[in-house]
Amino acid sequence: MDELETRDDSFIMECVRKLHSERKNIEFLNATRVIGEVVGLSEQVVSDAWIEYRVRSLIHLGQLSYEGDLQSMRMYKIKDIK
């Protein structure tokens, strides 16, 4: 996989882990919450569409698990696969 394409993946995973640690009683996080966190904390300008694309890629790569419908970021939740 292209290094440029995966450049945000570690930051996305870091944000997922941070949000999970803040919300210990919640198994799955709203995808929109994670995407918003990444966009808001990123030091570079990134679009929510790009971050959602990378979240879906991480799901397909087996690094994140999801529940719901991947049709829209508002319709699924994600969690880190440890």
PDB file of N, CA and C in Angstrom:
ATOM      1  N   MET A   1       0.850  -1.182   0.000  1.00  0.00           N
ATOM      2  CA  MET A   1       0.000   0.000   0.000  1.00  0.00           C
ATOM      3  C   MET A   1       0.895   1.244   0.000  1.00  0.00           C
ATOM      4  N   ASP A   2       0.444   2.259  -0.625  1.00  0.00           N
ATOM      5  CA  ASP A   2       1.178   3.514  -0.777  1.00  0.00           C
ATOM      6  C   ASP A   2       1.326   4.220   0.572  1.00  0.00           C
ATOM      7  N   GLU A   3       2.552   4.649   0.887  1.00  0.00           N
ATOM      8  CA  GLU A   3       2.821   5.347   2.149  1.00  0.00           C
ATOM      9  C   GLU A   3       2.031   6.645   2.259  1.00  0.00           C
ATOM     10  N   LEU A   4       1.853   7.345   1.163  1.00  0.00           N
ATOM     11  CA  LEU A   4       1.081   8.583   1.167  1.00  0.00           C
ATOM     12  C   LEU A   4      -0.381   8.304   1.517  1.00  0.00           C
ATOM     13  N   GLU A   5      -0.911   7.203   1.013  1.00  0.00           N
ATOM     14  CA  GLU A   5      -2.309   6.865   1.277  1.00  0.00           C
ATOM     15  C   GLU A   5      -2.544   6.496   2.739  1.00  0.00           C
ATOM     16  N   THR A   6      -1.587   5.859   3.352  1.00  0.00           N
ATOM     17  CA  THR A   6      -1.764   5.384   4.729  1.00  0.00           C
ATOM     18  C   THR A   6      -1.200   6.341   5.784  1.00  0.00           C
ATOM     19  N   ARG A   7      -0.820   7.524   5.388  1.00  0.00           N
ATOM     20  CA  ARG A   7      -0.135   8.457   6.301  1.00  0.00           C
ATOM     21  C   ARG A   7      -0.962   8.825   7.530  1.00  0.00           C
ATOM     22  N   ASP A   8      -2.281   8.812   7.432  1.00  0.00           N
ATOM     23  CA  ASP A   8      -3.130   9.217   8.560  1.00  0.00           C
ATOM     24  C   ASP A   8      -3.592   8.038   9.418  1.00  0.00           C
ATOM     25  N   ASP A   9      -3.292   6.826   9.005  1.00  0.00           N
ATOM     26  CA  ASP A   9      -3.831   5.646   9.689  1.00  0.00           C
ATOM     27  C   ASP A   9      -3.418   5.555  11.150  1.00  0.00           C
ATOM     28  N   SER A  10      -2.161   5.797  11.460  1.00  0.00           N
ATOM     29  CA  SER A  10      -1.720   5.685  12.855  1.00  0.00           C
ATOM     30  C   SER A  10      -2.394   6.746  13.726  1.00  0.00           C
ATOM     31  N   PHE A  11      -2.612   7.939  13.180  1.00  0.00           N
ATOM     32  CA  PHE A  11      -3.299   8.991  13.938  1.00  0.00           C
ATOM     33  C   PHE A  11      -4.774   8.627  14.159  1.00  0.00           C
ATOM     34  N   ILE A  12      -5.398   8.037  13.154  1.00  0.00           N
ATOM     35  CA  ILE A  12      -6.793   7.581  13.301  1.00  0.00           C
ATOM     36  C   ILE A  12      -6.874   6.548  14.419  1.00  0.00           C
ATOM     37  N   MET A  13      -5.965   5.575  14.403  1.00  0.00           N
ATOM     38  CA  MET A  13      -5.974   4.532  15.431  1.00  0.00           C
ATOM     39  C   MET A  13      -5.699   5.131  16.811  1.00  0.00           C
ATOM     40  N   GLU A  14      -4.823   6.098  16.882  1.00  0.00           N
ATOM     41  CA  GLU A  14      -4.532   6.783  18.143  1.00  0.00           C
ATOM     42  C   GLU A  14      -5.792   7.465  18.678  1.00  0.00           C
ATOM     43  N   CYS A  15      -6.536   8.121  17.814  1.00  0.00           N
ATOM     44  CA  CYS A  15      -7.778   8.795  18.231  1.00  0.00           C
ATOM     45  C   CYS A  15      -8.826   7.780  18.677  1.00  0.00           C
ATOM     46  N   VAL A  16      -8.936   6.651  17.990  1.00  0.00           N
ATOM     47  CA  VAL A  16      -9.878   5.600  18.389  1.00  0.00           C
ATOM     48  C   VAL A  16      -9.526   5.118  19.791  1.00  0.00           C
ATOM     49  N   ARG A  17      -8.265   4.839  20.036  1.00  0.00           N
ATOM     50  CA  ARG A  17      -7.833   4.350  21.348  1.00  0.00           C
ATOM     51  C   ARG A  17      -8.057   5.398  22.442  1.00  0.00           C
ATOM     52  N   LYS A  18      -7.798   6.655  22.110  1.00  0.00           N
ATOM     53  CA  LYS A  18      -8.010   7.746  23.076  1.00  0.00           C
ATOM     54  C   LYS A  18      -9.490   7.853  23.446  1.00  0.00           C
ATOM     55  N   LEU A  19     -10.359   7.832  22.459  1.00  0.00           N
ATOM     56  CA  LEU A  19     -11.795   7.927  22.724  1.00  0.00           C
ATOM     57  C   LEU A  19     -12.296   6.719  23.499  1.00  0.00           C
ATOM     58  N   HIS A  20     -11.780   5.527  23.181  1.00  0.00           N
ATOM     59  CA  HIS A  20     -12.162   4.340  23.945  1.00  0.00           C
ATOM     60  C   HIS A  20     -11.739   4.463  25.401  1.00  0.00           C
ATOM     61  N   SER A  21     -10.548   4.983  25.647  1.00  0.00           N
ATOM     62  CA  SER A  21     -10.074   5.109  27.030  1.00  0.00           C
ATOM     63  C   SER A  21     -10.893   6.138  27.807  1.00  0.00           C
ATOM     64  N   GLU A  22     -11.406   7.142  27.124  1.00  0.00           N
ATOM     65  CA  GLU A  22     -12.246   8.153  27.778  1.00  0.00           C
ATOM     66  C   GLU A  22     -13.656   7.644  28.049  1.00  0.00           C
ATOM     67  N   ARG A  23     -14.088   6.666  27.275  1.00  0.00           N
ATOM     68  CA  ARG A  23     -15.445   6.124  27.391  1.00  0.00           C
ATOM     69  C   ARG A  23     -15.368   4.619  27.625  1.00  0.00           C
ATOM     70  N   LYS A  24     -14.919   4.250  28.799  1.00  0.00           N
ATOM     71  CA  LYS A  24     -14.639   2.852  29.110  1.00  0.00           C
ATOM     72  C   LYS A  24     -15.862   1.947  29.004  1.00  0.00           C
ATOM     73  N   ASN A  25     -17.036   2.471  29.233  1.00  0.00           N
ATOM     74  CA  ASN A  25     -18.240   1.644  29.224  1.00  0.00           C
ATOM     75  C   ASN A  25     -18.889   1.527  27.838  1.00  0.00           C
ATOM     76  N   ILE A  26     -18.286   2.122  26.813  1.00  0.00           N
ATOM     77  CA  ILE A  26     -18.838   2.057  25.460  1.00  0.00           C
ATOM     78  C   ILE A  26     -17.935   1.175  24.612  1.00  0.00           C
ATOM     79  N   GLU A  27     -18.532   0.101  24.052  1.00  0.00           N
ATOM     80  CA  GLU A  27     -17.734  -0.828  23.242  1.00  0.00           C
ATOM     81  C   GLU A  27     -17.447  -0.261  21.852  1.00  0.00           C
ATOM     82  N   PHE A  28     -18.486   0.232  21.170  1.00  0.00           N
ATOM     83  CA  PHE A  28     -18.340   0.789  19.826  1.00  0.00           C
ATOM     84  C   PHE A  28     -18.532   2.305  19.867  1.00  0.00           C
ATOM     85  N   LEU A  29     -17.702   3.015  19.111  1.00  0.00           N
ATOM     86  CA  LEU A  29     -17.774   4.472  19.020  1.00  0.00           C
ATOM     87  C   LEU A  29     -18.467   4.884  17.735  1.00  0.00           C
ATOM     88  N   ASN A  30     -19.244   5.946  17.782  1.00  0.00           N
ATOM     89  CA  ASN A  30     -19.845   6.459  16.558  1.00  0.00           C
ATOM     90  C   ASN A  30     -18.735   6.866  15.591  1.00  0.00           C
ATOM     91  N   ALA A  31     -18.851   6.418  14.354  1.00  0.00           N
ATOM     92  CA  ALA A  31     -17.841   6.747  13.342  1.00  0.00           C
ATOM     93  C   ALA A  31     -17.734   8.256  13.162  1.00  0.00           C
ATOM     94  N   THR A  32     -18.861   8.954  13.207  1.00  0.00           N
ATOM     95  CA  THR A  32     -18.820  10.410  13.046  1.00  0.00           C
ATOM     96  C   THR A  32     -18.022  11.074  14.163  1.00  0.00           C
ATOM     97  N   ARG A  33     -18.102  10.522  15.366  1.00  0.00           N
ATOM     98  CA  ARG A  33     -17.346  11.076  16.503  1.00  0.00           C
ATOM     99  C   ARG A  33     -15.846  10.902  16.291  1.00  0.00           C
ATOM    100  N   VAL A  34     -15.466   9.724  15.847  1.00  0.00           N
ATOM    101  CA  VAL A  34     -14.045   9.454  15.601  1.00  0.00           C
ATOM    102  C   VAL A  34     -13.530  10.324  14.460  1.00  0.00           C
ATOM    103  N   ILE A  35     -14.276  10.394  13.378  1.00  0.00           N
ATOM    104  CA  ILE A  35     -13.866  11.185  12.216  1.00  0.00           C
ATOM    105  C   ILE A  35     -13.739  12.658  12.599  1.00  0.00           C
ATOM    106  N   GLY A  36     -14.699  13.165  13.364  1.00  0.00           N
ATOM    107  CA  GLY A  36     -14.639  14.551  13.828  1.00  0.00           C
ATOM    108  C   GLY A  36     -13.434  14.808  14.715  1.00  0.00           C
ATOM    109  N   GLU A  37     -13.117  13.844  15.566  1.00  0.00           N
ATOM    110  CA  GLU A  37     -11.945  13.964  16.442  1.00  0.00           C
ATOM    111  C   GLU A  37     -10.663  14.050  15.615  1.00  0.00           C
ATOM    112  N   VAL A  38     -10.555  13.191  14.619  1.00  0.00           N
ATOM    113  CA  VAL A  38      -9.355  13.177  13.775  1.00  0.00           C
ATOM    114  C   VAL A  38      -9.224  14.491  13.011  1.00  0.00           C
ATOM    115  N   VAL A  39     -10.313  14.937  12.401  1.00  0.00           N
ATOM    116  CA  VAL A  39     -10.285  16.191  11.636  1.00  0.00           C
ATOM    117  C   VAL A  39      -9.956  17.367  12.556  1.00  0.00           C
ATOM    118  N   GLY A  40     -10.557  17.386  13.735  1.00  0.00           N
ATOM    119  CA  GLY A  40     -10.349  18.489  14.662  1.00  0.00           C
ATOM    120  C   GLY A  40      -8.953  18.560  15.260  1.00  0.00           C
ATOM    121  N   LEU A  41      -8.340  17.410  15.488  1.00  0.00           N
ATOM    122  CA  LEU A  41      -7.029  17.389  16.131  1.00  0.00           C
ATOM    123  C   LEU A  41      -5.865  17.326  15.137  1.00  0.00           C
ATOM    124  N   SER A  42      -6.160  17.100  13.896  1.00  0.00           N
ATOM    125  CA  SER A  42      -5.098  16.973  12.897  1.00  0.00           C
ATOM    126  C   SER A  42      -4.357  18.291  12.718  1.00  0.00           C
ATOM    127  N   GLU A  43      -3.045  18.193  12.607  1.00  0.00           N
ATOM    128  CA  GLU A  43      -2.232  19.383  12.382  1.00  0.00           C
ATOM    129  C   GLU A  43      -2.255  19.799  10.918  1.00  0.00           C
ATOM    130  N   GLN A  44      -2.729  18.908  10.062  1.00  0.00           N
ATOM    131  CA  GLN A  44      -2.844  19.194   8.628  1.00  0.00           C
ATOM    132  C   GLN A  44      -4.323  19.328   8.281  1.00  0.00           C
ATOM    133  N   VAL A  45      -4.598  19.972   7.186  1.00  0.00           N
ATOM    134  CA  VAL A  45      -5.977  20.083   6.716  1.00  0.00           C
ATOM    135  C   VAL A  45      -6.357  18.769   6.037  1.00  0.00           C
ATOM    136  N   VAL A  46      -7.371  18.102   6.599  1.00  0.00           N
ATOM    137  CA  VAL A  46      -7.873  16.858   6.027  1.00  0.00           C
ATOM    138  C   VAL A  46      -9.392  16.940   5.958  1.00  0.00           C
ATOM    139  N   SER A  47      -9.962  16.288   4.978  1.00  0.00           N
ATOM    140  CA  SER A  47     -11.420  16.302   4.852  1.00  0.00           C
ATOM    141  C   SER A  47     -12.014  15.109   5.590  1.00  0.00           C
ATOM    142  N   ASP A  48     -13.256  15.262   6.017  1.00  0.00           N
ATOM    143  CA  ASP A  48     -13.944  14.155   6.676  1.00  0.00           C
ATOM    144  C   ASP A  48     -14.134  12.992   5.713  1.00  0.00           C
ATOM    145  N   ALA A  49     -14.321  13.268   4.436  1.00  0.00           N
ATOM    146  CA  ALA A  49     -14.479  12.197   3.445  1.00  0.00           C
ATOM    147  C   ALA A  49     -13.197  11.358   3.344  1.00  0.00           C
ATOM    148  N   TRP A  50     -12.038  12.009   3.384  1.00  0.00           N
ATOM    149  CA  TRP A  50     -10.765  11.290   3.335  1.00  0.00           C
ATOM    150  C   TRP A  50     -10.589  10.409   4.574  1.00  0.00           C
ATOM    151  N   ILE A  51     -10.887  10.969   5.747  1.00  0.00           N
ATOM    152  CA  ILE A  51     -10.729  10.206   6.985  1.00  0.00           C
ATOM    153  C   ILE A  51     -11.711   9.042   7.006  1.00  0.00           C
ATOM    154  N   GLU A  52     -12.929   9.240   6.536  1.00  0.00           N
ATOM    155  CA  GLU A  52     -13.874   8.122   6.486  1.00  0.00           C
ATOM    156  C   GLU A  52     -13.372   7.039   5.537  1.00  0.00           C
ATOM    157  N   TYR A  53     -12.815   7.424   4.418  1.00  0.00           N
ATOM    158  CA  TYR A  53     -12.237   6.450   3.485  1.00  0.00           C
ATOM    159  C   TYR A  53     -11.155   5.621   4.183  1.00  0.00           C
ATOM    160  N   ARG A  54     -10.310   6.289   4.951  1.00  0.00           N
ATOM    161  CA  ARG A  54      -9.242   5.567   5.653  1.00  0.00           C
ATOM    162  C   ARG A  54      -9.812   4.687   6.771  1.00  0.00           C
ATOM    163  N   VAL A  55     -10.871   5.150   7.458  1.00  0.00           N
ATOM    164  CA  VAL A  55     -11.524   4.327   8.484  1.00  0.00           C
ATOM    165  C   VAL A  55     -12.065   3.058   7.835  1.00  0.00           C
ATOM    166  N   ARG A  56     -12.730   3.188   6.710  1.00  0.00           N
ATOM    167  CA  ARG A  56     -13.251   2.007   6.000  1.00  0.00           C
ATOM    168  C   ARG A  56     -12.114   1.098   5.558  1.00  0.00           C
ATOM    169  N   SER A  57     -11.005   1.680   5.137  1.00  0.00           N
ATOM    170  CA  SER A  57      -9.842   0.873   4.751  1.00  0.00           C
ATOM    171  C   SER A  57      -9.306   0.100   5.951  1.00  0.00           C
ATOM    172  N   LEU A  58      -9.258   0.736   7.113  1.00  0.00           N
ATOM    173  CA  LEU A  58      -8.799   0.061   8.323  1.00  0.00           C
ATOM    174  C   LEU A  58      -9.753  -1.057   8.728  1.00  0.00           C
ATOM    175  N   ILE A  59     -11.030  -0.882   8.462  1.00  0.00           N
ATOM    176  CA  ILE A  59     -12.010  -1.948   8.704  1.00  0.00           C
ATOM    177  C   ILE A  59     -11.695  -3.130   7.787  1.00  0.00           C
ATOM    178  N   HIS A  60     -11.496  -2.851   6.512  1.00  0.00           N
ATOM    179  CA  HIS A  60     -11.224  -3.916   5.544  1.00  0.00           C
ATOM    180  C   HIS A  60      -9.878  -4.587   5.785  1.00  0.00           C
ATOM    181  N   LEU A  61      -8.928  -3.865   6.378  1.00  0.00           N
ATOM    182  CA  LEU A  61      -7.626  -4.435   6.708  1.00  0.00           C
ATOM    183  C   LEU A  61      -7.648  -5.214   8.028  1.00  0.00           C
ATOM    184  N   GLY A  62      -8.790  -5.175   8.727  1.00  0.00           N
ATOM    185  CA  GLY A  62      -8.921  -5.926   9.969  1.00  0.00           C
ATOM    186  C   GLY A  62      -8.354  -5.239  11.193  1.00  0.00           C
ATOM    187  N   GLN A  63      -8.099  -3.939  11.116  1.00  0.00           N
ATOM    188  CA  GLN A  63      -7.590  -3.210  12.274  1.00  0.00           C
ATOM    189  C   GLN A  63      -8.710  -2.595  13.111  1.00  0.00           C
ATOM    190  N   LEU A  64      -9.855  -2.386  12.486  1.00  0.00           N
ATOM    191  CA  LEU A  64     -11.038  -1.886  13.174  1.00  0.00           C
ATOM    192  C   LEU A  64     -12.195  -2.839  12.912  1.00  0.00           C
ATOM    193  N   SER A  65     -13.077  -2.941  13.887  1.00  0.00           N
ATOM    194  CA  SER A  65     -14.310  -3.705  13.736  1.00  0.00           C
ATOM    195  C   SER A  65     -15.455  -2.704  13.668  1.00  0.00           C
ATOM    196  N   TYR A  66     -16.562  -3.107  13.072  1.00  0.00           N
ATOM    197  CA  TYR A  66     -17.697  -2.187  12.992  1.00  0.00           C
ATOM    198  C   TYR A  66     -19.003  -2.930  13.204  1.00  0.00           C
ATOM    199  N   GLU A  67     -20.010  -2.157  13.530  1.00  0.00           N
ATOM    200  CA  GLU A  67     -21.383  -2.650  13.560  1.00  0.00           C
ATOM    201  C   GLU A  67     -22.245  -1.594  12.894  1.00  0.00           C
ATOM    202  N   GLY A  68     -23.252  -2.038  12.165  1.00  0.00           N
ATOM    203  CA  GLY A  68     -24.124  -1.114  11.464  1.00  0.00           C
ATOM    204  C   GLY A  68     -23.953  -1.231   9.966  1.00  0.00           C
ATOM    205  N   ASP A  69     -24.262  -0.158   9.262  1.00  0.00           N
ATOM    206  CA  ASP A  69     -24.278  -0.125   7.805  1.00  0.00           C
ATOM    207  C   ASP A  69     -23.242   0.865   7.295  1.00  0.00           C
ATOM    208  N   LEU A  70     -22.312   0.387   6.491  1.00  0.00           N
ATOM    209  CA  LEU A  70     -21.233   1.244   5.980  1.00  0.00           C
ATOM    210  C   LEU A  70     -21.682   2.196   4.869  1.00  0.00           C
ATOM    211  N   GLN A  71     -22.960   2.274   4.592  1.00  0.00           N
ATOM    212  CA  GLN A  71     -23.473   3.173   3.562  1.00  0.00           C
ATOM    213  C   GLN A  71     -23.194   4.635   3.878  1.00  0.00           C
ATOM    214  N   SER A  72     -23.206   4.971   5.151  1.00  0.00           N
ATOM    215  CA  SER A  72     -23.018   6.357   5.577  1.00  0.00           C
ATOM    216  C   SER A  72     -22.297   6.378   6.913  1.00  0.00           C
ATOM    217  N   MET A  73     -21.424   7.357   7.124  1.00  0.00           N
ATOM    218  CA  MET A  73     -20.678   7.432   8.383  1.00  0.00           C
ATOM    219  C   MET A  73     -21.591   7.584   9.588  1.00  0.00           C
ATOM    220  N   ARG A  74     -22.803   8.031   9.391  1.00  0.00           N
ATOM    221  CA  ARG A  74     -23.747   8.193  10.497  1.00  0.00           C
ATOM    222  C   ARG A  74     -24.438   6.885  10.874  1.00  0.00           C
ATOM    223  N   MET A  75     -24.208   5.846  10.073  1.00  0.00           N
ATOM    224  CA  MET A  75     -24.949   4.600  10.264  1.00  0.00           C
ATOM    225  C   MET A  75     -24.107   3.457  10.834  1.00  0.00           C
ATOM    226  N   TYR A  76     -22.852   3.711  11.184  1.00  0.00           N
ATOM    227  CA  TYR A  76     -22.066   2.635  11.767  1.00  0.00           C
ATOM    228  C   TYR A  76     -21.176   3.127  12.902  1.00  0.00           C
ATOM    229  N   LYS A  77     -20.761   2.178  13.702  1.00  0.00           N
ATOM    230  CA  LYS A  77     -19.893   2.433  14.842  1.00  0.00           C
ATOM    231  C   LYS A  77     -18.651   1.563  14.689  1.00  0.00           C
ATOM    232  N   ILE A  78     -17.561   1.988  15.305  1.00  0.00           N
ATOM    233  CA  ILE A  78     -16.308   1.256  15.166  1.00  0.00           C
ATOM    234  C   ILE A  78     -15.639   1.016  16.504  1.00  0.00           C
ATOM    235  N   LYS A  79     -14.739   0.030  16.523  1.00  0.00           N
ATOM    236  CA  LYS A  79     -13.900  -0.201  17.690  1.00  0.00           C
ATOM    237  C   LYS A  79     -12.583  -0.786  17.225  1.00  0.00           C
ATOM    238  N   ASP A  80     -11.581  -0.614  18.052  1.00  0.00           N
ATOM    239  CA  ASP A  80     -10.248  -1.142  17.798  1.00  0.00           C
ATOM    240  C   ASP A  80     -10.270  -2.653  18.007  1.00  0.00           C
ATOM    241  N   ILE A  81      -9.620  -3.378  17.125  1.00  0.00           N
ATOM    242  CA  ILE A  81      -9.448  -4.818  17.316  1.00  0.00           C
ATOM    243  C   ILE A  81      -8.097  -5.003  17.992  1.00  0.00           C
ATOM    244  N   LYS A  82      -8.113  -5.506  19.193  1.00  0.00           N
ATOM    245  CA  LYS A  82      -6.870  -5.635  19.965  1.00  0.00           C
ATOM    246  C   LYS A  82      -6.390  -7.047  19.938  1.00  0.00           C
TER     247      LYS A  82
END
